[in-house]
Amino acid sequence: MFGDYIVFVDESGDHGMAGVDQTYPMFVLAFCIFRKQDYMEIVCPAMQRLKFKHWGHDAVVLHEHDIRKPRGVYSFLLNASRRKEFINDVTLLMEAAFHPDRSGDSQA
């Protein structure tokens, strides 16, 4: 009845062809495709661990802009050591997602 995969799609940048923002003159369309079983058993728990470690809850939504220019719940990223730790944890999470055989669980 339902498929075995889940797809997430997101965009970033200027999607208009007229009046391109010269400070960010690009448009990116990215997507991730997960087997639903992997998403439930691997991806969601790993993301929850990351969020609990850095925010104390898992209700936060990750936004690239807020990571680049910290404010609000991302203001902890203004601290260089905490930012480095966060970026490292995200990197480890992504490496584990793309190369599960090379990495155990992220320490996030």
PDB file of N, CA and C in Angstrom:
ATOM      1  N   MET A   1       0.820  -1.195   0.000  1.00  0.00           N
ATOM      2  CA  MET A   1       0.000   0.000   0.000  1.00  0.00           C
ATOM      3  C   MET A   1       0.867   1.264   0.000  1.00  0.00           C
ATOM      4  N   PHE A   2       1.819   1.348   0.914  1.00  0.00           N
ATOM      5  CA  PHE A   2       2.718   2.502   0.963  1.00  0.00           C
ATOM      6  C   PHE A   2       4.092   2.092   0.475  1.00  0.00           C
ATOM      7  N   GLY A   3       4.875   3.074   0.025  1.00  0.00           N
ATOM      8  CA  GLY A   3       6.215   2.784  -0.465  1.00  0.00           C
ATOM      9  C   GLY A   3       7.199   2.508   0.669  1.00  0.00           C
ATOM     10  N   ASP A   4       8.366   2.038   0.285  1.00  0.00           N
ATOM     11  CA  ASP A   4       9.415   1.708   1.242  1.00  0.00           C
ATOM     12  C   ASP A   4      10.347   2.878   1.527  1.00  0.00           C
ATOM     13  N   TYR A   5      10.166   4.000   0.847  1.00  0.00           N
ATOM     14  CA  TYR A   5      11.086   5.129   0.958  1.00  0.00           C
ATOM     15  C   TYR A   5      10.361   6.405   1.370  1.00  0.00           C
ATOM     16  N   ILE A   6      11.120   7.291   1.988  1.00  0.00           N
ATOM     17  CA  ILE A   6      10.622   8.627   2.329  1.00  0.00           C
ATOM     18  C   ILE A   6      11.593   9.635   1.724  1.00  0.00           C
ATOM     19  N   VAL A   7      11.052  10.726   1.177  1.00  0.00           N
ATOM     20  CA  VAL A   7      11.862  11.721   0.484  1.00  0.00           C
ATOM     21  C   VAL A   7      11.675  13.077   1.166  1.00  0.00           C
ATOM     22  N   PHE A   8      12.793  13.769   1.394  1.00  0.00           N
ATOM     23  CA  PHE A   8      12.773  15.128   1.919  1.00  0.00           C
ATOM     24  C   PHE A   8      13.427  16.031   0.884  1.00  0.00           C
ATOM     25  N   VAL A   9      12.780  17.162   0.591  1.00  0.00           N
ATOM     26  CA  VAL A   9      13.282  18.102  -0.404  1.00  0.00           C
ATOM     27  C   VAL A   9      13.347  19.484   0.240  1.00  0.00           C
ATOM     28  N   ASP A  10      14.428  20.212  -0.048  1.00  0.00           N
ATOM     29  CA  ASP A  10      14.569  21.566   0.480  1.00  0.00           C
ATOM     30  C   ASP A  10      15.308  22.418  -0.539  1.00  0.00           C
ATOM     31  N   GLU A  11      15.104  23.710  -0.447  1.00  0.00           N
ATOM     32  CA  GLU A  11      15.767  24.641  -1.342  1.00  0.00           C
ATOM     33  C   GLU A  11      16.487  25.697  -0.527  1.00  0.00           C
ATOM     34  N   SER A  12      17.447  26.308  -1.161  1.00  0.00           N
ATOM     35  CA  SER A  12      18.176  27.407  -0.549  1.00  0.00           C
ATOM     36  C   SER A  12      18.576  28.374  -1.643  1.00  0.00           C
ATOM     37  N   GLY A  13      18.588  29.633  -1.308  1.00  0.00           N
ATOM     38  CA  GLY A  13      19.051  30.628  -2.266  1.00  0.00           C
ATOM     39  C   GLY A  13      17.923  31.338  -2.967  1.00  0.00           C
ATOM     40  N   ASP A  14      18.286  31.980  -4.043  1.00  0.00           N
ATOM     41  CA  ASP A  14      17.392  32.830  -4.813  1.00  0.00           C
ATOM     42  C   ASP A  14      16.795  32.038  -5.967  1.00  0.00           C
ATOM     43  N   HIS A  15      15.504  31.746  -5.897  1.00  0.00           N
ATOM     44  CA  HIS A  15      14.874  30.955  -6.946  1.00  0.00           C
ATOM     45  C   HIS A  15      14.269  31.808  -8.054  1.00  0.00           C
ATOM     46  N   GLY A  16      14.392  33.122  -7.943  1.00  0.00           N
ATOM     47  CA  GLY A  16      13.879  34.000  -8.989  1.00  0.00           C
ATOM     48  C   GLY A  16      14.927  34.240 -10.060  1.00  0.00           C
ATOM     49  N   MET A  17      14.504  34.362 -11.275  1.00  0.00           N
ATOM     50  CA  MET A  17      15.451  34.604 -12.365  1.00  0.00           C
ATOM     51  C   MET A  17      15.722  36.091 -12.556  1.00  0.00           C
ATOM     52  N   ALA A  18      14.850  36.939 -12.025  1.00  0.00           N
ATOM     53  CA  ALA A  18      15.044  38.382 -12.149  1.00  0.00           C
ATOM     54  C   ALA A  18      15.514  38.925 -10.795  1.00  0.00           C
ATOM     55  N   GLY A  19      16.444  39.847 -10.828  1.00  0.00           N
ATOM     56  CA  GLY A  19      16.899  40.480  -9.598  1.00  0.00           C
ATOM     57  C   GLY A  19      17.615  39.522  -8.671  1.00  0.00           C
ATOM     58  N   VAL A  20      18.608  38.810  -9.148  1.00  0.00           N
ATOM     59  CA  VAL A  20      19.349  37.839  -8.342  1.00  0.00           C
ATOM     60  C   VAL A  20      20.076  38.553  -7.203  1.00  0.00           C
ATOM     61  N   ASP A  21      19.985  37.988  -6.010  1.00  0.00           N
ATOM     62  CA  ASP A  21      20.675  38.518  -4.837  1.00  0.00           C
ATOM     63  C   ASP A  21      22.172  38.318  -5.026  1.00  0.00           C
ATOM     64  N   GLN A  22      22.914  39.390  -5.240  1.00  0.00           N
ATOM     65  CA  GLN A  22      24.347  39.299  -5.507  1.00  0.00           C
ATOM     66  C   GLN A  22      25.152  38.812  -4.306  1.00  0.00           C
ATOM     67  N   THR A  23      24.594  38.888  -3.099  1.00  0.00           N
ATOM     68  CA  THR A  23      25.306  38.386  -1.924  1.00  0.00           C
ATOM     69  C   THR A  23      25.145  36.874  -1.780  1.00  0.00           C
ATOM     70  N   TYR A  24      24.194  36.296  -2.487  1.00  0.00           N
ATOM     71  CA  TYR A  24      23.960  34.844  -2.445  1.00  0.00           C
ATOM     72  C   TYR A  24      23.412  34.418  -3.801  1.00  0.00           C
ATOM     73  N   PRO A  25      24.239  34.547  -4.857  1.00  0.00           N
ATOM     74  CA  PRO A  25      23.749  34.344  -6.231  1.00  0.00           C
ATOM     75  C   PRO A  25      23.662  32.879  -6.646  1.00  0.00           C
ATOM     76  N   MET A  26      22.908  32.114  -5.882  1.00  0.00           N
ATOM     77  CA  MET A  26      22.775  30.703  -6.241  1.00  0.00           C
ATOM     78  C   MET A  26      21.422  30.174  -5.809  1.00  0.00           C
ATOM     79  N   PHE A  27      21.079  29.088  -6.408  1.00  0.00           N
ATOM     80  CA  PHE A  27      19.875  28.367  -6.026  1.00  0.00           C
ATOM     81  C   PHE A  27      20.246  26.897  -5.928  1.00  0.00           C
ATOM     82  N   VAL A  28      19.894  26.285  -4.822  1.00  0.00           N
ATOM     83  CA  VAL A  28      20.205  24.878  -4.596  1.00  0.00           C
ATOM     84  C   VAL A  28      18.913  24.145  -4.274  1.00  0.00           C
ATOM     85  N   LEU A  29      18.722  23.032  -4.909  1.00  0.00           N
ATOM     86  CA  LEU A  29      17.606  22.145  -4.608  1.00  0.00           C
ATOM     87  C   LEU A  29      18.228  20.809  -4.223  1.00  0.00           C
ATOM     88  N   ALA A  30      18.000  20.404  -2.985  1.00  0.00           N
ATOM     89  CA  ALA A  30      18.602  19.167  -2.483  1.00  0.00           C
ATOM     90  C   ALA A  30      17.515  18.242  -1.965  1.00  0.00           C
ATOM     91  N   PHE A  31      17.804  16.964  -2.013  1.00  0.00           N
ATOM     92  CA  PHE A  31      16.854  16.015  -1.458  1.00  0.00           C
ATOM     93  C   PHE A  31      17.593  14.821  -0.879  1.00  0.00           C
ATOM     94  N   CYS A  32      16.941  14.193   0.066  1.00  0.00           N
ATOM     95  CA  CYS A  32      17.444  12.961   0.685  1.00  0.00           C
ATOM     96  C   CYS A  32      16.365  11.908   0.537  1.00  0.00           C
ATOM     97  N   ILE A  33      16.795  10.719   0.208  1.00  0.00           N
ATOM     98  CA  ILE A  33      15.882   9.585   0.107  1.00  0.00           C
ATOM     99  C   ILE A  33      16.352   8.535   1.102  1.00  0.00           C
ATOM    100  N   PHE A  34      15.452   8.119   1.981  1.00  0.00           N
ATOM    101  CA  PHE A  34      15.773   7.122   2.996  1.00  0.00           C
ATOM    102  C   PHE A  34      14.834   5.937   2.864  1.00  0.00           C
ATOM    103  N   ARG A  35      15.371   4.754   3.101  1.00  0.00           N
ATOM    104  CA  ARG A  35      14.469   3.627   3.325  1.00  0.00           C
ATOM    105  C   ARG A  35      13.764   3.922   4.639  1.00  0.00           C
ATOM    106  N   LYS A  36      12.475   3.719   4.700  1.00  0.00           N
ATOM    107  CA  LYS A  36      11.720   4.057   5.910  1.00  0.00           C
ATOM    108  C   LYS A  36      12.270   3.342   7.139  1.00  0.00           C
ATOM    109  N   GLN A  37      12.672   2.105   6.981  1.00  0.00           N
ATOM    110  CA  GLN A  37      13.224   1.362   8.114  1.00  0.00           C
ATOM    111  C   GLN A  37      14.509   2.026   8.616  1.00  0.00           C
ATOM    112  N   ASP A  38      15.402   2.438   7.710  1.00  0.00           N
ATOM    113  CA  ASP A  38      16.628   3.122   8.113  1.00  0.00           C
ATOM    114  C   ASP A  38      16.317   4.469   8.759  1.00  0.00           C
ATOM    115  N   TYR A  39      15.337   5.170   8.218  1.00  0.00           N
ATOM    116  CA  TYR A  39      14.951   6.467   8.772  1.00  0.00           C
ATOM    117  C   TYR A  39      14.485   6.319  10.218  1.00  0.00           C
ATOM    118  N   MET A  40      13.630   5.318  10.477  1.00  0.00           N
ATOM    119  CA  MET A  40      13.097   5.113  11.830  1.00  0.00           C
ATOM    120  C   MET A  40      14.156   4.586  12.796  1.00  0.00           C
ATOM    121  N   GLU A  41      14.987   3.686  12.333  1.00  0.00           N
ATOM    122  CA  GLU A  41      15.904   2.989  13.230  1.00  0.00           C
ATOM    123  C   GLU A  41      17.264   3.658  13.371  1.00  0.00           C
ATOM    124  N   ILE A  42      17.678   4.437  12.372  1.00  0.00           N
ATOM    125  CA  ILE A  42      19.024   5.020  12.389  1.00  0.00           C
ATOM    126  C   ILE A  42      18.986   6.550  12.408  1.00  0.00           C
ATOM    127  N   VAL A  43      18.322   7.137  11.415  1.00  0.00           N
ATOM    128  CA  VAL A  43      18.376   8.590  11.239  1.00  0.00           C
ATOM    129  C   VAL A  43      17.679   9.326  12.377  1.00  0.00           C
ATOM    130  N   CYS A  44      16.430   8.975  12.667  1.00  0.00           N
ATOM    131  CA  CYS A  44      15.694   9.691  13.726  1.00  0.00           C
ATOM    132  C   CYS A  44      16.388   9.598  15.083  1.00  0.00           C
ATOM    133  N   PRO A  45      16.815   8.422  15.533  1.00  0.00           N
ATOM    134  CA  PRO A  45      17.507   8.365  16.825  1.00  0.00           C
ATOM    135  C   PRO A  45      18.806   9.182  16.837  1.00  0.00           C
ATOM    136  N   ALA A  46      19.550   9.165  15.728  1.00  0.00           N
ATOM    137  CA  ALA A  46      20.798   9.930  15.670  1.00  0.00           C
ATOM    138  C   ALA A  46      20.516  11.433  15.740  1.00  0.00           C
ATOM    139  N   MET A  47      19.492  11.889  15.024  1.00  0.00           N
ATOM    140  CA  MET A  47      19.137  13.316  15.069  1.00  0.00           C
ATOM    141  C   MET A  47      18.633  13.701  16.458  1.00  0.00           C
ATOM    142  N   GLN A  48      17.859  12.837  17.084  1.00  0.00           N
ATOM    143  CA  GLN A  48      17.382  13.130  18.433  1.00  0.00           C
ATOM    144  C   GLN A  48      18.543  13.237  19.411  1.00  0.00           C
ATOM    145  N   ARG A  49      19.523  12.335  19.318  1.00  0.00           N
ATOM    146  CA  ARG A  49      20.690  12.422  20.202  1.00  0.00           C
ATOM    147  C   ARG A  49      21.428  13.738  20.007  1.00  0.00           C
ATOM    148  N   LEU A  50      21.598  14.142  18.756  1.00  0.00           N
ATOM    149  CA  LEU A  50      22.262  15.420  18.453  1.00  0.00           C
ATOM    150  C   LEU A  50      21.498  16.577  19.089  1.00  0.00           C
ATOM    151  N   LYS A  51      20.196  16.596  18.899  1.00  0.00           N
ATOM    152  CA  LYS A  51      19.380  17.694  19.427  1.00  0.00           C
ATOM    153  C   LYS A  51      19.342  17.700  20.951  1.00  0.00           C
ATOM    154  N   PHE A  52      19.194  16.538  21.576  1.00  0.00           N
ATOM    155  CA  PHE A  52      19.201  16.485  23.041  1.00  0.00           C
ATOM    156  C   PHE A  52      20.551  16.930  23.593  1.00  0.00           C
ATOM    157  N   LYS A  53      21.621  16.561  22.928  1.00  0.00           N
ATOM    158  CA  LYS A  53      22.952  16.949  23.400  1.00  0.00           C
ATOM    159  C   LYS A  53      23.135  18.461  23.359  1.00  0.00           C
ATOM    160  N   HIS A  54      22.701  19.099  22.291  1.00  0.00           N
ATOM    161  CA  HIS A  54      22.991  20.518  22.102  1.00  0.00           C
ATOM    162  C   HIS A  54      21.866  21.456  22.549  1.00  0.00           C
ATOM    163  N   TRP A  55      20.632  20.974  22.633  1.00  0.00           N
ATOM    164  CA  TRP A  55      19.519  21.833  23.045  1.00  0.00           C
ATOM    165  C   TRP A  55      18.788  21.333  24.280  1.00  0.00           C
ATOM    166  N   GLY A  56      18.958  20.086  24.639  1.00  0.00           N
ATOM    167  CA  GLY A  56      18.245  19.544  25.787  1.00  0.00           C
ATOM    168  C   GLY A  56      16.845  19.060  25.459  1.00  0.00           C
ATOM    169  N   HIS A  57      16.454  19.162  24.189  1.00  0.00           N
ATOM    170  CA  HIS A  57      15.160  18.671  23.703  1.00  0.00           C
ATOM    171  C   HIS A  57      15.303  18.419  22.208  1.00  0.00           C
ATOM    172  N   ASP A  58      14.274  17.831  21.612  1.00  0.00           N
ATOM    173  CA  ASP A  58      14.373  17.528  20.179  1.00  0.00           C
ATOM    174  C   ASP A  58      13.363  18.305  19.332  1.00  0.00           C
ATOM    175  N   ALA A  59      12.828  19.388  19.884  1.00  0.00           N
ATOM    176  CA  ALA A  59      11.811  20.152  19.159  1.00  0.00           C
ATOM    177  C   ALA A  59      12.399  21.157  18.163  1.00  0.00           C
ATOM    178  N   VAL A  60      13.684  21.431  18.260  1.00  0.00           N
ATOM    179  CA  VAL A  60      14.306  22.418  17.373  1.00  0.00           C
ATOM    180  C   VAL A  60      14.356  21.882  15.937  1.00  0.00           C
ATOM    181  N   VAL A  61      14.170  22.784  14.981  1.00  0.00           N
ATOM    182  CA  VAL A  61      14.274  22.449  13.561  1.00  0.00           C
ATOM    183  C   VAL A  61      15.594  23.030  13.065  1.00  0.00           C
ATOM    184  N   LEU A  62      16.392  22.197  12.414  1.00  0.00           N
ATOM    185  CA  LEU A  62      17.694  22.657  11.928  1.00  0.00           C
ATOM    186  C   LEU A  62      17.519  23.528  10.692  1.00  0.00           C
ATOM    187  N   HIS A  63      18.111  24.729  10.764  1.00  0.00           N
ATOM    188  CA  HIS A  63      18.079  25.669   9.642  1.00  0.00           C
ATOM    189  C   HIS A  63      19.502  26.130   9.357  1.00  0.00           C
ATOM    190  N   GLU A  64      19.922  25.981   8.119  1.00  0.00           N
ATOM    191  CA  GLU A  64      21.270  26.371   7.714  1.00  0.00           C
ATOM    192  C   GLU A  64      21.558  27.828   8.044  1.00  0.00           C
ATOM    193  N   HIS A  65      20.629  28.713   7.777  1.00  0.00           N
ATOM    194  CA  HIS A  65      20.846  30.136   8.032  1.00  0.00           C
ATOM    195  C   HIS A  65      21.128  30.398   9.508  1.00  0.00           C
ATOM    196  N   ASP A  66      20.389  29.750  10.383  1.00  0.00           N
ATOM    197  CA  ASP A  66      20.577  29.952  11.820  1.00  0.00           C
ATOM    198  C   ASP A  66      21.879  29.334  12.310  1.00  0.00           C
ATOM    199  N   ILE A  67      22.351  28.310  11.646  1.00  0.00           N
ATOM    200  CA  ILE A  67      23.642  27.726  12.001  1.00  0.00           C
ATOM    201  C   ILE A  67      24.756  28.666  11.544  1.00  0.00           C
ATOM    202  N   ARG A  68      24.622  29.237  10.355  1.00  0.00           N
ATOM    203  CA  ARG A  68      25.621  30.171   9.832  1.00  0.00           C
ATOM    204  C   ARG A  68      25.640  31.487  10.596  1.00  0.00           C
ATOM    205  N   LYS A  69      24.452  31.988  10.925  1.00  0.00           N
ATOM    206  CA  LYS A  69      24.315  33.284  11.613  1.00  0.00           C
ATOM    207  C   LYS A  69      23.496  33.058  12.879  1.00  0.00           C
ATOM    208  N   PRO A  70      24.168  32.554  13.925  1.00  0.00           N
ATOM    209  CA  PRO A  70      23.451  32.127  15.137  1.00  0.00           C
ATOM    210  C   PRO A  70      22.642  33.234  15.802  1.00  0.00           C
ATOM    211  N   ARG A  71      21.439  32.853  16.205  1.00  0.00           N
ATOM    212  CA  ARG A  71      20.554  33.733  16.969  1.00  0.00           C
ATOM    213  C   ARG A  71      19.531  32.845  17.656  1.00  0.00           C
ATOM    214  N   GLY A  72      18.838  33.374  18.604  1.00  0.00           N
ATOM    215  CA  GLY A  72      17.796  32.622  19.298  1.00  0.00           C
ATOM    216  C   GLY A  72      18.335  31.330  19.886  1.00  0.00           C
ATOM    217  N   VAL A  73      17.653  30.225  19.619  1.00  0.00           N
ATOM    218  CA  VAL A  73      18.062  28.942  20.192  1.00  0.00           C
ATOM    219  C   VAL A  73      19.409  28.473  19.656  1.00  0.00           C
ATOM    220  N   TYR A  74      19.905  29.116  18.611  1.00  0.00           N
ATOM    221  CA  TYR A  74      21.214  28.785  18.051  1.00  0.00           C
ATOM    222  C   TYR A  74      22.329  29.663  18.622  1.00  0.00           C
ATOM    223  N   SER A  75      22.025  30.557  19.544  1.00  0.00           N
ATOM    224  CA  SER A  75      23.029  31.503  20.039  1.00  0.00           C
ATOM    225  C   SER A  75      24.205  30.816  20.727  1.00  0.00           C
ATOM    226  N   PHE A  76      24.042  29.583  21.186  1.00  0.00           N
ATOM    227  CA  PHE A  76      25.169  28.865  21.775  1.00  0.00           C
ATOM    228  C   PHE A  76      26.299  28.680  20.765  1.00  0.00           C
ATOM    229  N   LEU A  77      25.983  28.771  19.470  1.00  0.00           N
ATOM    230  CA  LEU A  77      26.989  28.613  18.430  1.00  0.00           C
ATOM    231  C   LEU A  77      27.904  29.825  18.313  1.00  0.00           C
ATOM    232  N   LEU A  78      27.593  30.893  19.026  1.00  0.00           N
ATOM    233  CA  LEU A  78      28.487  32.048  19.071  1.00  0.00           C
ATOM    234  C   LEU A  78      29.745  31.729  19.878  1.00  0.00           C
ATOM    235  N   ASN A  79      29.677  30.713  20.718  1.00  0.00           N
ATOM    236  CA  ASN A  79      30.828  30.238  21.478  1.00  0.00           C
ATOM    237  C   ASN A  79      31.636  29.318  20.559  1.00  0.00           C
ATOM    238  N   ALA A  80      32.886  29.687  20.286  1.00  0.00           N
ATOM    239  CA  ALA A  80      33.705  28.977  19.297  1.00  0.00           C
ATOM    240  C   ALA A  80      33.865  27.492  19.615  1.00  0.00           C
ATOM    241  N   SER A  81      34.080  27.147  20.868  1.00  0.00           N
ATOM    242  CA  SER A  81      34.293  25.729  21.192  1.00  0.00           C
ATOM    243  C   SER A  81      33.001  24.929  21.061  1.00  0.00           C
ATOM    244  N   ARG A  82      31.883  25.521  21.453  1.00  0.00           N
ATOM    245  CA  ARG A  82      30.609  24.815  21.303  1.00  0.00           C
ATOM    246  C   ARG A  82      30.224  24.697  19.834  1.00  0.00           C
ATOM    247  N   ARG A  83      30.525  25.733  19.038  1.00  0.00           N
ATOM    248  CA  ARG A  83      30.259  25.680  17.595  1.00  0.00           C
ATOM    249  C   ARG A  83      31.075  24.559  16.956  1.00  0.00           C
ATOM    250  N   LYS A  84      32.359  24.485  17.308  1.00  0.00           N
ATOM    251  CA  LYS A  84      33.235  23.453  16.755  1.00  0.00           C
ATOM    252  C   LYS A  84      32.703  22.064  17.112  1.00  0.00           C
ATOM    253  N   GLU A  85      32.281  21.881  18.352  1.00  0.00           N
ATOM    254  CA  GLU A  85      31.740  20.597  18.790  1.00  0.00           C
ATOM    255  C   GLU A  85      30.459  20.254  18.021  1.00  0.00           C
ATOM    256  N   PHE A  86      29.584  21.236  17.848  1.00  0.00           N
ATOM    257  CA  PHE A  86      28.331  21.016  17.121  1.00  0.00           C
ATOM    258  C   PHE A  86      28.604  20.631  15.672  1.00  0.00           C
ATOM    259  N   ILE A  87      29.451  21.400  14.996  1.00  0.00           N
ATOM    260  CA  ILE A  87      29.774  21.121  13.591  1.00  0.00           C
ATOM    261  C   ILE A  87      30.413  19.739  13.472  1.00  0.00           C
ATOM    262  N   ASN A  88      31.282  19.398  14.406  1.00  0.00           N
ATOM    263  CA  ASN A  88      31.898  18.071  14.401  1.00  0.00           C
ATOM    264  C   ASN A  88      30.831  16.979  14.566  1.00  0.00           C
ATOM    265  N   ASP A  89      29.901  17.180  15.480  1.00  0.00           N
ATOM    266  CA  ASP A  89      28.839  16.192  15.695  1.00  0.00           C
ATOM    267  C   ASP A  89      27.957  16.032  14.459  1.00  0.00           C
ATOM    268  N   VAL A  90      27.636  17.136  13.798  1.00  0.00           N
ATOM    269  CA  VAL A  90      26.841  17.060  12.564  1.00  0.00           C
ATOM    270  C   VAL A  90      27.634  16.325  11.480  1.00  0.00           C
ATOM    271  N   THR A  91      28.916  16.626  11.387  1.00  0.00           N
ATOM    272  CA  THR A  91      29.771  15.961  10.402  1.00  0.00           C
ATOM    273  C   THR A  91      29.821  14.460  10.655  1.00  0.00           C
ATOM    274  N   LEU A  92      30.004  14.062  11.910  1.00  0.00           N
ATOM    275  CA  LEU A  92      30.036  12.637  12.245  1.00  0.00           C
ATOM    276  C   LEU A  92      28.704  11.965  11.924  1.00  0.00           C
ATOM    277  N   LEU A  93      27.607  12.662  12.194  1.00  0.00           N
ATOM    278  CA  LEU A  93      26.282  12.113  11.898  1.00  0.00           C
ATOM    279  C   LEU A  93      26.130  11.880  10.393  1.00  0.00           C
ATOM    280  N   MET A  94      26.557  12.862   9.596  1.00  0.00           N
ATOM    281  CA  MET A  94      26.447  12.735   8.138  1.00  0.00           C
ATOM    282  C   MET A  94      27.369  11.638   7.612  1.00  0.00           C
ATOM    283  N   GLU A  95      28.581  11.560   8.146  1.00  0.00           N
ATOM    284  CA  GLU A  95      29.497  10.503   7.710  1.00  0.00           C
ATOM    285  C   GLU A  95      28.924   9.133   8.023  1.00  0.00           C
ATOM    286  N   ALA A  96      28.337   8.982   9.195  1.00  0.00           N
ATOM    287  CA  ALA A  96      27.740   7.698   9.575  1.00  0.00           C
ATOM    288  C   ALA A  96      26.553   7.361   8.677  1.00  0.00           C
ATOM    289  N   ALA A  97      25.805   8.380   8.260  1.00  0.00           N
ATOM    290  CA  ALA A  97      24.649   8.152   7.392  1.00  0.00           C
ATOM    291  C   ALA A  97      25.078   7.677   6.007  1.00  0.00           C
ATOM    292  N   PHE A  98      26.179   8.237   5.504  1.00  0.00           N
ATOM    293  CA  PHE A  98      26.628   7.873   4.163  1.00  0.00           C
ATOM    294  C   PHE A  98      27.591   6.693   4.151  1.00  0.00           C
ATOM    295  N   HIS A  99      28.230   6.427   5.295  1.00  0.00           N
ATOM    296  CA  HIS A  99      29.191   5.342   5.393  1.00  0.00           C
ATOM    297  C   HIS A  99      28.983   4.580   6.699  1.00  0.00           C
ATOM    298  N   PRO A 100      27.853   3.900   6.835  1.00  0.00           N
ATOM    299  CA  PRO A 100      27.563   3.237   8.116  1.00  0.00           C
ATOM    300  C   PRO A 100      28.570   2.160   8.485  1.00  0.00           C
ATOM    301  N   ASP A 101      29.290   1.634   7.512  1.00  0.00           N
ATOM    302  CA  ASP A 101      30.279   0.590   7.782  1.00  0.00           C
ATOM    303  C   ASP A 101      31.567   1.156   8.379  1.00  0.00           C
ATOM    304  N   ARG A 102      31.839   2.459   8.176  1.00  0.00           N
ATOM    305  CA  ARG A 102      33.081   3.049   8.656  1.00  0.00           C
ATOM    306  C   ARG A 102      32.954   3.675  10.026  1.00  0.00           C
ATOM    307  N   SER A 103      31.753   3.867  10.490  1.00  0.00           N
ATOM    308  CA  SER A 103      31.578   4.590  11.738  1.00  0.00           C
ATOM    309  C   SER A 103      30.534   3.909  12.575  1.00  0.00           C
ATOM    310  N   GLY A 104      30.810   3.836  13.846  1.00  0.00           N
ATOM    311  CA  GLY A 104      29.804   3.331  14.760  1.00  0.00           C
ATOM    312  C   GLY A 104      28.773   4.402  14.932  1.00  0.00           C
ATOM    313  N   ASP A 105      28.386   4.673  16.117  1.00  0.00           N
ATOM    314  CA  ASP A 105      27.405   5.704  16.380  1.00  0.00           C
ATOM    315  C   ASP A 105      28.120   6.993  16.694  1.00  0.00           C
ATOM    316  N   SER A 106      27.621   8.102  16.199  1.00  0.00           N
ATOM    317  CA  SER A 106      28.154   9.410  16.559  1.00  0.00           C
ATOM    318  C   SER A 106      28.029   9.581  18.059  1.00  0.00           C
ATOM    319  N   GLN A 107      28.912  10.347  18.628  1.00  0.00           N
ATOM    320  CA  GLN A 107      28.846  10.577  20.062  1.00  0.00           C
ATOM    321  C   GLN A 107      27.845  11.650  20.403  1.00  0.00           C
ATOM    322  N   ALA A 108      27.092  12.074  19.422  1.00  0.00           N
ATOM    323  CA  ALA A 108      26.065  13.096  19.660  1.00  0.00           C
ATOM    324  C   ALA A 108      24.962  12.538  20.512  1.00  0.00           C
TER     325      ALA A 108
END
